[in-house]
């Protein structure tokens, strides 16, 4: 239920950002009334945006505060502050530490946008910020299983989406919403057929067009370029079965933002996925070093990924001593963070069970496989593998 509802809220969010609905004067025009399209401002805050994605939040937010001083009535700086907190949440969505301040900044941005809309009901930029602000709130509320709040936020996003219909299209910034809507409005019913009647209320999407649009945003936009690249490498790596393309993008992101733990662990993941074992091992060791030194943002999820890849590397080359060390580390991190249902945790136990079996320690092997059965859902492949192994080896 949680995942399905989350997908619906996300679709409302993507729809609320669609450039087919959020429109205004063409970019680059001298008389554009919209701060979002101000090229001079974009130039001035490039460093701030880069600092945010590189997890140098102190620098980014100091610069955002300057913009807030210069444009005290505009929602943009509050919205950027909210996004900087969203990235703190993104690295571990189960951590609720930043929820309140994230919502507070979005509330501030929404209030300023509502005031702009009161002064000028035709202000498309204000409608955009309201649609995006409520959309982001809905996204968090769905993560927190606050279904009533998520529904209300989604409805607001749709309301302001309708209000944002207008004249000429915004610049590539807003193509992101259109791209994601086109892709996921097709993807969701493909994977969740029961939602087809609900999605019939939305405009018809085009998954291929959505991917093309996403690629365009990833190469031409300013505010939304990195967000587009984030979605693009995830889609390439999972849905589109193009791991080499995913690696190309995330390698660029890691090089540009080397202190972003999400990009770092994703880089290690796609090195592992594409069989680049030596590089995957090097990056995984670096992640664990940063976790050990308590570098901000490097936490249990990143550590679990890295330890598992190292376990896989050593198991592959036949070094079972090191393999056991890192598989055990994966399991320990999983237990400490209460992530026993994660694939990394479960498959570490399976590998530990296989090693124990090879070492003639059937009692230990049985313990590992029973742990897998305990934590994995019955339909999970790890549960099936554990059952089959126990049966085949009479454990």
Protein backbone atom coordinates (compact mmCIF):
# COMPACT_ATOMS: atom_id res chain seq x y z
CA UNK A 1 0.00 0.00 0.00
CA UNK A 2 2.75 2.41 0.95
CA UNK A 3 4.64 1.97 -2.34
CA UNK A 4 1.52 2.25 -4.49
CA UNK A 5 0.30 5.39 -2.73
CA UNK A 6 3.79 6.85 -2.90
CA UNK A 7 3.79 6.33 -6.67
CA UNK A 8 0.47 8.13 -7.01
CA UNK A 9 1.71 11.11 -4.99
CA UNK A 10 4.88 11.20 -7.07
CA UNK A 11 2.79 11.21 -10.22
CA UNK A 12 0.83 14.17 -8.88
CA UNK A 13 4.15 15.86 -8.23
CA UNK A 14 5.44 15.16 -11.73
CA UNK A 15 2.18 16.35 -13.24
CA UNK A 16 2.34 19.55 -11.20
CA UNK A 17 5.71 20.38 -12.78
CA UNK A 18 4.75 19.61 -16.37
CA UNK A 19 5.82 22.31 -18.83
CA UNK A 20 2.73 21.58 -20.86
CA UNK A 21 0.91 23.22 -17.97
CA UNK A 22 3.50 25.53 -16.31
CA UNK A 23 4.21 28.27 -18.81
CA UNK A 24 5.31 31.89 -19.09
CA UNK A 25 7.46 34.17 -21.22
CA UNK A 26 10.34 32.68 -23.15
CA UNK A 27 13.70 32.48 -21.35
CA UNK A 28 16.34 35.08 -21.98
CA UNK A 29 13.97 37.93 -22.71
CA UNK A 30 14.91 41.21 -21.12
CA UNK A 31 11.39 41.91 -19.88
CA UNK A 32 10.73 38.53 -18.26
CA UNK A 33 8.97 39.10 -14.91
CA UNK A 34 10.16 35.78 -13.50
CA UNK A 35 13.16 35.46 -11.19
CA UNK A 36 13.44 31.80 -12.09
CA UNK A 37 14.46 32.86 -15.62
CA UNK A 38 16.96 35.54 -14.55
CA UNK A 39 20.25 34.54 -16.21
CA UNK A 40 22.24 36.93 -14.04
CA UNK A 41 20.94 35.27 -10.89
CA UNK A 42 21.67 31.83 -12.30
CA UNK A 43 25.26 32.87 -12.92
CA UNK A 44 25.61 34.24 -9.38
CA UNK A 45 24.30 31.17 -7.59
CA UNK A 46 26.02 28.46 -9.64
CA UNK A 47 28.59 28.00 -6.85
CA UNK A 48 25.81 27.81 -4.26
CA UNK A 49 23.92 25.10 -6.14
CA UNK A 50 27.13 23.12 -6.62
CA UNK A 51 27.96 23.47 -2.93
CA UNK A 52 24.54 22.09 -2.02
CA UNK A 53 24.97 18.99 -4.17
CA UNK A 54 28.48 18.54 -2.79
CA UNK A 55 27.02 18.46 0.74
CA UNK A 56 28.67 21.75 1.68
CA UNK A 57 25.40 22.97 3.07
CA UNK A 58 26.96 25.76 5.15
CA UNK A 59 28.27 27.52 2.03
CA UNK A 60 25.11 26.88 0.01
CA UNK A 61 22.73 28.07 2.69
CA UNK A 62 24.79 31.16 3.45
CA UNK A 63 24.42 32.11 -0.21
CA UNK A 64 20.72 31.24 -0.23
CA UNK A 65 20.32 33.55 2.78
CA UNK A 66 21.84 36.39 0.75
CA UNK A 67 19.29 35.76 -2.02
CA UNK A 68 16.60 35.72 0.64
CA UNK A 69 17.79 39.13 1.83
CA UNK A 70 17.78 40.48 -1.74
CA UNK A 71 14.39 38.96 -2.62
CA UNK A 72 12.58 38.67 0.73
CA UNK A 73 9.13 38.23 -0.81
CA UNK A 74 10.08 35.61 -3.41
CA UNK A 75 9.67 31.84 -2.80
CA UNK A 76 12.85 30.81 -4.67
CA UNK A 77 15.39 31.07 -1.78
CA UNK A 78 13.10 29.26 0.68
CA UNK A 79 12.47 26.59 -1.94
CA UNK A 80 16.23 26.14 -2.47
CA UNK A 81 16.71 25.87 1.30
CA UNK A 82 14.05 23.17 1.38
CA UNK A 83 15.80 21.24 -1.40
CA UNK A 84 19.08 21.38 0.54
CA UNK A 85 17.29 19.65 3.43
CA UNK A 86 15.67 17.19 1.05
CA UNK A 87 19.16 15.98 0.13
CA UNK A 88 19.90 15.42 3.80
CA UNK A 89 16.78 13.25 3.88
CA UNK A 90 17.53 11.52 0.56
CA UNK A 91 20.64 9.75 1.84
CA UNK A 92 18.51 7.94 4.43
CA UNK A 93 14.77 8.41 3.99
CA UNK A 94 14.09 6.66 7.30
CA UNK A 95 15.84 9.47 9.20
CA UNK A 96 13.18 11.97 10.31
CA UNK A 97 15.62 14.49 11.80
CA UNK A 98 15.15 17.03 9.02
CA UNK A 99 11.44 16.60 8.33
CA UNK A 100 10.22 19.62 10.28
CA UNK A 101 12.66 22.15 8.88
CA UNK A 102 12.13 20.81 5.35
CA UNK A 103 8.36 21.31 5.71
CA UNK A 104 8.84 24.73 7.32
CA UNK A 105 10.86 26.04 4.40
CA UNK A 106 8.30 24.69 1.93
CA UNK A 107 5.52 26.33 3.97
CA UNK A 108 7.41 29.63 3.80
CA UNK A 109 7.90 29.28 0.05
CA UNK A 110 4.23 28.40 -0.39
CA UNK A 111 3.09 31.38 1.69
CA UNK A 112 5.20 33.78 -0.39
CA UNK A 113 3.95 32.24 -3.62
CA UNK A 114 0.35 32.55 -2.42
CA UNK A 115 0.94 36.25 -1.69
CA UNK A 116 2.36 36.71 -5.19
CA UNK A 117 -0.68 34.97 -6.60
CA UNK A 118 -3.02 37.19 -4.57
CA UNK A 119 -1.32 40.24 -6.06
CA UNK A 120 -1.41 38.79 -9.57
CA UNK A 121 -3.69 35.78 -10.19
CA UNK A 122 -1.98 35.26 -13.56
CA UNK A 123 1.50 34.82 -12.08
CA UNK A 124 2.61 31.51 -13.55
CA UNK A 125 5.82 31.39 -11.54
CA UNK A 126 3.90 31.61 -8.27
CA UNK A 127 1.63 28.78 -9.39
CA UNK A 128 4.68 26.70 -10.28
CA UNK A 129 6.25 27.13 -6.84
CA UNK A 130 2.96 26.21 -5.16
CA UNK A 131 2.58 23.10 -7.29
CA UNK A 132 6.17 22.06 -6.68
CA UNK A 133 6.07 22.93 -2.97
CA UNK A 134 2.94 20.91 -2.28
CA UNK A 135 4.28 18.13 -4.47
CA UNK A 136 7.48 17.84 -2.45
CA UNK A 137 5.49 17.89 0.79
CA UNK A 138 3.31 15.08 -0.51
CA UNK A 139 6.40 13.09 -1.38
CA UNK A 140 7.70 13.29 2.18
CA UNK A 141 4.29 12.65 3.76
CA UNK A 142 3.89 9.49 1.69
CA UNK A 143 7.30 8.30 2.91
CA UNK A 144 6.04 8.85 6.45
CA UNK A 145 2.74 7.03 5.79
CA UNK A 146 0.82 10.24 6.52
CA UNK A 147 -1.74 9.39 3.88
CA UNK A 148 -4.24 12.16 4.68
CA UNK A 149 -1.57 14.87 4.53
CA UNK A 150 -0.09 13.31 1.40
CA UNK A 151 -3.47 13.27 -0.32
CA UNK A 152 -4.18 16.88 0.63
CA UNK A 153 -0.75 17.95 -0.63
CA UNK A 154 -1.28 16.07 -3.89
CA UNK A 155 -4.66 17.69 -4.46
CA UNK A 156 -3.12 21.12 -3.86
CA UNK A 157 -0.36 20.34 -6.32
CA UNK A 158 -2.97 19.49 -8.95
CA UNK A 159 -4.97 22.63 -8.17
CA UNK A 160 -2.00 24.90 -8.73
CA UNK A 161 -1.00 22.88 -11.77
CA UNK A 162 -4.32 23.83 -13.33
CA UNK A 163 -3.81 27.49 -12.34
CA UNK A 164 -0.42 27.55 -13.99
CA UNK A 165 -1.73 27.11 -17.53
CA UNK A 166 -0.56 30.03 -19.61
CA UNK A 167 1.13 31.41 -22.68
CA UNK A 168 4.64 30.51 -23.81
CA UNK A 169 6.70 27.70 -22.31
CA UNK A 170 9.17 28.13 -19.53
CA UNK A 171 12.80 27.19 -20.22
CA UNK A 172 14.16 23.61 -19.89
CA UNK A 173 13.99 23.81 -16.08
CA UNK A 174 10.35 22.79 -16.08
CA UNK A 175 10.70 20.12 -18.73
CA UNK A 176 11.78 17.82 -15.87
CA UNK A 177 8.23 17.47 -14.61
CA UNK A 178 6.91 16.77 -18.08
CA UNK A 179 9.61 14.15 -18.66
CA UNK A 180 8.91 12.31 -15.41
CA UNK A 181 5.17 12.49 -15.92
CA UNK A 182 5.43 11.08 -19.45
CA UNK A 183 7.63 8.23 -18.25
CA UNK A 184 5.91 7.23 -15.02
CA UNK A 185 2.31 7.65 -16.20
CA UNK A 186 3.10 4.70 -18.49
CA UNK A 187 5.46 2.85 -16.14
CA UNK A 188 3.09 2.77 -13.14
CA UNK A 189 0.18 0.93 -14.85
CA UNK A 190 2.68 -1.46 -16.47
CA UNK A 191 3.86 -2.51 -13.01
CA UNK A 192 0.65 -1.89 -11.02
CA UNK A 193 -2.31 -2.82 -13.27
CA UNK A 194 -4.82 -2.16 -10.46
CA UNK A 195 -4.01 1.55 -10.74
CA UNK A 196 -5.08 1.80 -14.40
CA UNK A 197 -8.56 3.17 -13.57
CA UNK A 198 -7.03 5.90 -11.38
CA UNK A 199 -4.44 6.83 -13.98
CA UNK A 200 -7.14 7.12 -16.62
CA UNK A 201 -7.86 10.51 -15.00
CA UNK A 202 -4.43 11.76 -16.07
CA UNK A 203 -3.32 12.78 -19.58
CA UNK A 204 -1.82 9.94 -21.61
CA UNK A 205 1.95 9.67 -21.24
CA UNK A 206 4.73 8.55 -23.57
CA UNK A 207 7.59 6.69 -21.90
CA UNK A 208 10.04 7.02 -24.80
CA UNK A 209 9.35 10.74 -25.08
CA UNK A 210 9.76 11.10 -21.32
CA UNK A 211 13.22 9.54 -21.46
CA UNK A 212 14.21 11.82 -24.35
CA UNK A 213 12.96 14.87 -22.46
CA UNK A 214 14.82 13.78 -19.35
CA UNK A 215 18.04 13.50 -21.35
CA UNK A 216 17.49 17.03 -22.67
CA UNK A 217 16.98 18.48 -19.18
CA UNK A 218 20.07 16.62 -17.95
CA UNK A 219 22.20 18.40 -20.55
CA UNK A 220 20.59 21.86 -20.87
CA UNK A 221 18.85 22.95 -17.66
CA UNK A 222 20.28 24.98 -14.77
CA UNK A 223 18.22 24.48 -11.61
CA UNK A 224 16.97 21.00 -12.50
CA UNK A 225 19.98 19.54 -14.35
CA UNK A 226 21.34 17.50 -11.45
CA UNK A 227 17.85 16.33 -10.44
CA UNK A 228 17.33 15.15 -14.03
CA UNK A 229 20.67 13.34 -14.01
CA UNK A 230 19.69 11.72 -10.71
CA UNK A 231 16.47 10.33 -12.17
CA UNK A 232 18.17 9.43 -15.44
CA UNK A 233 20.91 7.24 -14.00
CA UNK A 234 18.38 5.48 -11.79
CA UNK A 235 16.13 4.74 -14.76
CA UNK A 236 19.06 3.67 -16.93
CA UNK A 237 20.30 1.34 -14.22
CA UNK A 238 17.02 -0.33 -13.34
CA UNK A 239 14.11 0.09 -15.71
CA UNK A 240 15.99 0.60 -18.98
CA UNK A 241 18.66 -2.04 -18.31
CA UNK A 242 21.45 0.30 -19.43
CA UNK A 243 23.95 0.05 -16.55
CA UNK A 244 26.87 1.40 -18.60
CA UNK A 245 24.90 4.58 -19.30
CA UNK A 246 23.96 4.80 -15.64
CA UNK A 247 27.65 4.46 -14.73
CA UNK A 248 28.62 7.21 -17.18
CA UNK A 249 26.26 9.69 -15.55
CA UNK A 250 26.95 8.79 -11.94
CA UNK A 251 30.70 8.81 -12.56
CA UNK A 252 30.36 12.39 -13.77
CA UNK A 253 28.21 13.29 -10.74
CA UNK A 254 30.68 11.74 -8.31
CA UNK A 255 33.60 13.55 -9.93
CA UNK A 256 31.74 16.87 -9.82
CA UNK A 257 30.33 16.36 -6.31
CA UNK A 258 32.87 14.05 -4.60
CA UNK A 259 31.42 14.59 -1.12
CA UNK A 260 27.86 13.63 -2.01
CA UNK A 261 27.41 10.21 -0.35
CA UNK A 262 24.41 9.27 -2.49
CA UNK A 263 26.37 9.76 -5.71
CA UNK A 264 29.41 8.07 -4.19
CA UNK A 265 27.60 4.90 -3.19
CA UNK A 266 25.74 4.87 -6.52
CA UNK A 267 29.07 5.12 -8.33
CA UNK A 268 30.37 2.13 -6.37
CA UNK A 269 27.14 0.28 -7.14
CA UNK A 270 27.38 0.70 -10.90
CA UNK A 271 31.07 -0.13 -10.93
CA UNK A 272 30.08 -3.37 -9.21
CA UNK A 273 27.09 -3.93 -11.51
CA UNK A 274 29.18 -3.49 -14.66
CA UNK A 275 31.95 -5.79 -13.43
CA UNK A 276 34.59 -3.15 -12.79
CA UNK A 277 35.72 -4.96 -9.68
CA UNK A 278 39.00 -3.18 -8.90
CA UNK A 279 37.44 0.28 -9.07
CA UNK A 280 34.39 -0.90 -7.13
CA UNK A 281 36.68 -2.18 -4.39
CA UNK A 282 38.62 1.10 -4.25
CA UNK A 283 35.49 3.22 -3.99
CA UNK A 284 33.96 0.88 -1.41
CA UNK A 285 37.04 1.13 0.79
CA UNK A 286 36.89 4.92 0.47
CA UNK A 287 33.22 4.89 1.53
CA UNK A 288 34.00 2.80 4.60
CA UNK A 289 36.91 5.09 5.48
CA UNK A 290 34.60 8.11 5.30
CA UNK A 291 32.01 6.29 7.38
CA UNK A 292 34.67 5.45 9.97
CA UNK A 293 35.83 9.08 10.08
CA UNK A 294 32.20 10.19 10.49
CA UNK A 295 32.17 12.38 7.39
CA UNK A 296 28.78 14.04 7.15
CA UNK A 297 26.25 12.09 5.11
CA UNK A 298 28.11 8.78 5.18
CA UNK A 299 25.90 6.50 7.24
CA UNK A 300 24.61 2.95 7.47
CA UNK A 301 23.15 2.69 3.97
CA UNK A 302 26.40 3.70 2.28
CA UNK A 303 28.36 1.41 4.60
CA UNK A 304 26.09 -1.54 3.89
CA UNK A 305 26.52 -1.08 0.13
CA UNK A 306 30.31 -0.76 0.34
CA UNK A 307 30.86 -3.69 2.71
CA UNK A 308 28.72 -5.95 0.52
CA UNK A 309 30.66 -5.07 -2.66
CA UNK A 310 33.93 -5.82 -0.86
CA UNK A 311 32.53 -9.12 0.36
CA UNK A 312 31.53 -9.99 -3.20
CA UNK A 313 34.98 -9.03 -4.53
CA UNK A 314 36.87 -11.21 -2.07
CA UNK A 315 34.44 -14.10 -2.44
CA UNK A 316 34.91 -13.94 -6.20
CA UNK A 317 38.70 -14.20 -5.95
CA UNK A 318 38.49 -17.00 -3.37
CA UNK A 319 39.64 -15.08 -0.31
CA UNK A 320 37.01 -16.38 2.09
CA UNK A 321 38.65 -14.82 5.16
CA UNK A 322 38.19 -11.29 3.81
CA UNK A 323 34.85 -12.22 2.25
CA UNK A 324 33.53 -13.34 5.65
CA UNK A 325 34.87 -10.16 7.23
CA UNK A 326 33.00 -7.86 4.86
CA UNK A 327 29.82 -9.94 4.62
CA UNK A 328 29.72 -9.94 8.42
CA UNK A 329 30.26 -6.18 8.41
CA UNK A 330 27.33 -5.82 6.01
CA UNK A 331 25.16 -7.88 8.33
CA UNK A 332 26.26 -5.95 11.41
CA UNK A 333 25.53 -2.59 9.80
CA UNK A 334 22.16 -3.92 8.66
CA UNK A 335 21.26 -5.02 12.17
CA UNK A 336 22.44 -1.78 13.77
CA UNK A 337 20.33 0.24 11.33
CA UNK A 338 17.41 -2.22 11.51
CA UNK A 339 17.65 -2.89 7.78
CA UNK A 340 17.35 -6.66 7.92
CA UNK A 341 14.92 -6.75 5.00
CA UNK A 342 17.41 -5.14 2.60
CA UNK A 343 18.85 -7.29 -0.17
CA UNK A 344 22.42 -6.51 0.86
CA UNK A 345 21.78 -7.86 4.36
CA UNK A 346 19.95 -10.97 3.16
CA UNK A 347 22.44 -11.94 0.47
CA UNK A 348 25.36 -11.38 2.84
CA UNK A 349 23.79 -13.98 5.13
CA UNK A 350 23.31 -16.36 2.20
CA UNK A 351 26.98 -16.01 1.23
CA UNK A 352 28.05 -16.49 4.85
CA UNK A 353 25.86 -19.60 4.97
CA UNK A 354 27.47 -20.99 1.82
CA UNK A 355 30.97 -20.33 3.18
CA UNK A 356 30.06 -22.01 6.48
CA UNK A 357 28.71 -25.02 4.56
CA UNK A 358 31.94 -25.28 2.56
CA UNK A 359 33.85 -25.16 5.86
CA UNK A 360 31.74 -28.07 7.19
CA UNK A 361 30.11 -25.88 9.84
CA UNK A 362 26.53 -26.95 9.20
CA UNK A 363 25.16 -25.56 12.45
CA UNK A 364 26.42 -22.04 11.65
CA UNK A 365 25.23 -22.33 8.05
CA UNK A 366 21.75 -23.31 9.22
CA UNK A 367 21.69 -20.29 11.54
CA UNK A 368 22.48 -17.94 8.65
CA UNK A 369 19.85 -19.44 6.34
CA UNK A 370 17.20 -19.42 9.05
CA UNK A 371 17.93 -15.74 9.59
CA UNK A 372 17.26 -15.14 5.91
CA UNK A 373 13.94 -16.97 6.20
CA UNK A 374 13.10 -14.94 9.27
CA UNK A 375 13.65 -11.52 7.72
CA UNK A 376 12.88 -12.02 4.03
CA UNK A 377 9.30 -12.06 2.81
CA UNK A 378 8.29 -15.48 1.54
CA UNK A 379 8.12 -14.31 -2.09
CA UNK A 380 11.55 -12.68 -1.92
CA UNK A 381 14.17 -14.54 -4.04
CA UNK A 382 16.49 -14.69 -1.02
CA UNK A 383 13.83 -16.57 0.96
CA UNK A 384 13.45 -19.09 -1.87
CA UNK A 385 17.21 -19.50 -2.19
CA UNK A 386 17.58 -20.09 1.54
CA UNK A 387 14.80 -22.71 1.54
CA UNK A 388 16.27 -24.49 -1.47
CA UNK A 389 19.79 -24.50 -0.02
CA UNK A 390 18.64 -25.86 3.33
CA UNK A 391 16.69 -28.62 1.59
CA UNK A 392 19.43 -29.54 -0.88
CA UNK A 393 22.15 -29.68 1.77
CA UNK A 394 19.91 -31.25 4.44
CA UNK A 395 20.66 -28.53 6.95
